[in-house]
């Protein structure tokens, strides 16, 4: 939709502005940053960048939900793995209350 494309363009421009002010780029080199730099080099158009980011935003919830579903099934089928994961969480988090 037009509104979604407009919002995406605004977010990409905000990302572009943020990248122009950072001192150490290696700490900020995510996929969207790579796309922006590819556009700056002339490898991609602004429309290419917008479309890639838009597709990532739209597709990610579906692929993430499927991945999490299978991960939870595998954990349920392997109780020793679940126990090891719980021990690891307790080691790292301790008795702190988990936050979202």
C-alpha atoms as a PDB file:
ATOM      1  CA  UNK A   1       0.000   0.000   0.000  1.00  0.00           C
ATOM      2  CA  UNK A   2       1.006   3.599  -0.533  1.00  0.00           C
ATOM      3  CA  UNK A   3       1.007   4.454   3.179  1.00  0.00           C
ATOM      4  CA  UNK A   4       3.290   1.527   4.008  1.00  0.00           C
ATOM      5  CA  UNK A   5       5.727   2.497   1.246  1.00  0.00           C
ATOM      6  CA  UNK A   6       5.745   6.090   2.500  1.00  0.00           C
ATOM      7  CA  UNK A   7       6.408   4.986   6.066  1.00  0.00           C
ATOM      8  CA  UNK A   8       9.212   2.714   4.866  1.00  0.00           C
ATOM      9  CA  UNK A   9      10.833   5.560   2.947  1.00  0.00           C
ATOM     10  CA  UNK A  10      10.762   7.693   6.095  1.00  0.00           C
ATOM     11  CA  UNK A  11      12.356   4.910   8.163  1.00  0.00           C
ATOM     12  CA  UNK A  12      15.078   4.341   5.562  1.00  0.00           C
ATOM     13  CA  UNK A  13      15.825   8.064   5.468  1.00  0.00           C
ATOM     14  CA  UNK A  14      16.071   8.115   9.272  1.00  0.00           C
ATOM     15  CA  UNK A  15      18.480   5.174   9.075  1.00  0.00           C
ATOM     16  CA  UNK A  16      20.492   6.994   6.401  1.00  0.00           C
ATOM     17  CA  UNK A  17      20.728  10.087   8.630  1.00  0.00           C
ATOM     18  CA  UNK A  18      21.767   7.978  11.635  1.00  0.00           C
ATOM     19  CA  UNK A  19      24.502   6.287   9.581  1.00  0.00           C
ATOM     20  CA  UNK A  20      25.888   9.650   8.518  1.00  0.00           C
ATOM     21  CA  UNK A  21      26.552  10.592  12.149  1.00  0.00           C
ATOM     22  CA  UNK A  22      28.080   7.393  13.572  1.00  0.00           C
ATOM     23  CA  UNK A  23      31.795   7.240  14.255  1.00  0.00           C
ATOM     24  CA  UNK A  24      32.308   3.464  14.067  1.00  0.00           C
ATOM     25  CA  UNK A  25      30.363   1.963  11.184  1.00  0.00           C
ATOM     26  CA  UNK A  26      31.207  -1.659  12.015  1.00  0.00           C
ATOM     27  CA  UNK A  27      28.865  -1.506  15.036  1.00  0.00           C
ATOM     28  CA  UNK A  28      25.960  -0.398  12.846  1.00  0.00           C
ATOM     29  CA  UNK A  29      26.353  -2.590   9.770  1.00  0.00           C
ATOM     30  CA  UNK A  30      23.056  -4.436   9.615  1.00  0.00           C
ATOM     31  CA  UNK A  31      21.335  -5.513   6.406  1.00  0.00           C
ATOM     32  CA  UNK A  32      19.492  -2.212   5.935  1.00  0.00           C
ATOM     33  CA  UNK A  33      22.805  -0.357   6.263  1.00  0.00           C
ATOM     34  CA  UNK A  34      24.375  -2.615   3.645  1.00  0.00           C
ATOM     35  CA  UNK A  35      21.496  -1.823   1.284  1.00  0.00           C
ATOM     36  CA  UNK A  36      21.900   1.917   1.857  1.00  0.00           C
ATOM     37  CA  UNK A  37      25.628   1.736   1.142  1.00  0.00           C
ATOM     38  CA  UNK A  38      24.939  -0.322  -1.995  1.00  0.00           C
ATOM     39  CA  UNK A  39      22.653   2.479  -3.145  1.00  0.00           C
ATOM     40  CA  UNK A  40      25.352   5.062  -2.350  1.00  0.00           C
ATOM     41  CA  UNK A  41      27.800   3.087  -4.531  1.00  0.00           C
ATOM     42  CA  UNK A  42      25.259   2.976  -7.353  1.00  0.00           C
ATOM     43  CA  UNK A  43      24.684  -0.790  -7.101  1.00  0.00           C
ATOM     44  CA  UNK A  44      21.003  -0.360  -6.153  1.00  0.00           C
ATOM     45  CA  UNK A  45      18.351   2.268  -6.742  1.00  0.00           C
ATOM     46  CA  UNK A  46      16.355   3.898  -3.952  1.00  0.00           C
ATOM     47  CA  UNK A  47      13.370   1.831  -5.135  1.00  0.00           C
ATOM     48  CA  UNK A  48      15.444  -1.381  -4.805  1.00  0.00           C
ATOM     49  CA  UNK A  49      16.370  -0.477  -1.226  1.00  0.00           C
ATOM     50  CA  UNK A  50      12.792   0.429  -0.313  1.00  0.00           C
ATOM     51  CA  UNK A  51      11.455  -2.806  -1.816  1.00  0.00           C
ATOM     52  CA  UNK A  52      14.042  -5.003  -0.051  1.00  0.00           C
ATOM     53  CA  UNK A  53      13.374  -3.446   3.346  1.00  0.00           C
ATOM     54  CA  UNK A  54       9.615  -3.593   2.805  1.00  0.00           C
ATOM     55  CA  UNK A  55       9.790  -7.278   1.887  1.00  0.00           C
ATOM     56  CA  UNK A  56      11.909  -8.008   4.964  1.00  0.00           C
ATOM     57  CA  UNK A  57       9.364  -6.293   7.193  1.00  0.00           C
ATOM     58  CA  UNK A  58       6.419  -8.117   5.631  1.00  0.00           C
ATOM     59  CA  UNK A  59       8.023 -11.567   5.354  1.00  0.00           C
ATOM     60  CA  UNK A  60       9.831 -11.681   8.702  1.00  0.00           C
ATOM     61  CA  UNK A  61       6.797 -12.381  10.930  1.00  0.00           C
ATOM     62  CA  UNK A  62       5.797 -15.436   8.866  1.00  0.00           C
ATOM     63  CA  UNK A  63       9.247 -16.991   8.706  1.00  0.00           C
ATOM     64  CA  UNK A  64       9.925 -16.171  12.347  1.00  0.00           C
ATOM     65  CA  UNK A  65       6.682 -17.762  13.524  1.00  0.00           C
ATOM     66  CA  UNK A  66       7.371 -20.964  11.550  1.00  0.00           C
ATOM     67  CA  UNK A  67      10.950 -21.128  12.855  1.00  0.00           C
ATOM     68  CA  UNK A  68       9.833 -20.609  16.459  1.00  0.00           C
ATOM     69  CA  UNK A  69       7.121 -23.237  16.078  1.00  0.00           C
ATOM     70  CA  UNK A  70       9.593 -25.880  14.908  1.00  0.00           C
ATOM     71  CA  UNK A  71      12.133 -24.846  17.540  1.00  0.00           C
ATOM     72  CA  UNK A  72       9.526 -25.317  20.288  1.00  0.00           C
ATOM     73  CA  UNK A  73       8.504 -28.718  18.876  1.00  0.00           C
ATOM     74  CA  UNK A  74      12.138 -29.849  18.825  1.00  0.00           C
ATOM     75  CA  UNK A  75      12.661 -28.661  22.403  1.00  0.00           C
ATOM     76  CA  UNK A  76       9.515 -30.501  23.506  1.00  0.00           C
ATOM     77  CA  UNK A  77      10.769 -33.697  21.833  1.00  0.00           C
ATOM     78  CA  UNK A  78      14.177 -33.459  23.555  1.00  0.00           C
ATOM     79  CA  UNK A  79      13.685 -32.869  27.300  1.00  0.00           C
ATOM     80  CA  UNK A  80      17.417 -33.038  28.054  1.00  0.00           C
ATOM     81  CA  UNK A  81      18.004 -30.117  25.680  1.00  0.00           C
ATOM     82  CA  UNK A  82      15.217 -28.205  27.422  1.00  0.00           C
ATOM     83  CA  UNK A  83      16.838 -28.862  30.811  1.00  0.00           C
ATOM     84  CA  UNK A  84      20.214 -27.664  29.510  1.00  0.00           C
ATOM     85  CA  UNK A  85      18.605 -24.509  28.115  1.00  0.00           C
ATOM     86  CA  UNK A  86      16.890 -23.796  31.428  1.00  0.00           C
ATOM     87  CA  UNK A  87      20.193 -24.235  33.300  1.00  0.00           C
ATOM     88  CA  UNK A  88      21.896 -21.852  30.891  1.00  0.00           C
ATOM     89  CA  UNK A  89      19.139 -19.256  31.326  1.00  0.00           C
ATOM     90  CA  UNK A  90      19.379 -19.544  35.117  1.00  0.00           C
ATOM     91  CA  UNK A  91      23.170 -19.188  34.924  1.00  0.00           C
ATOM     92  CA  UNK A  92      22.979 -16.039  32.817  1.00  0.00           C
ATOM     93  CA  UNK A  93      19.867 -14.421  34.271  1.00  0.00           C
ATOM     94  CA  UNK A  94      20.054 -15.726  37.837  1.00  0.00           C
ATOM     95  CA  UNK A  95      17.050 -14.907  39.964  1.00  0.00           C
ATOM     96  CA  UNK A  96      16.277 -11.672  38.119  1.00  0.00           C
ATOM     97  CA  UNK A  97      12.782 -11.254  36.858  1.00  0.00           C
ATOM     98  CA  UNK A  98      12.635 -11.576  33.077  1.00  0.00           C
ATOM     99  CA  UNK A  99      11.585  -8.514  31.106  1.00  0.00           C
ATOM    100  CA  UNK A 100       9.930  -8.285  27.712  1.00  0.00           C
END
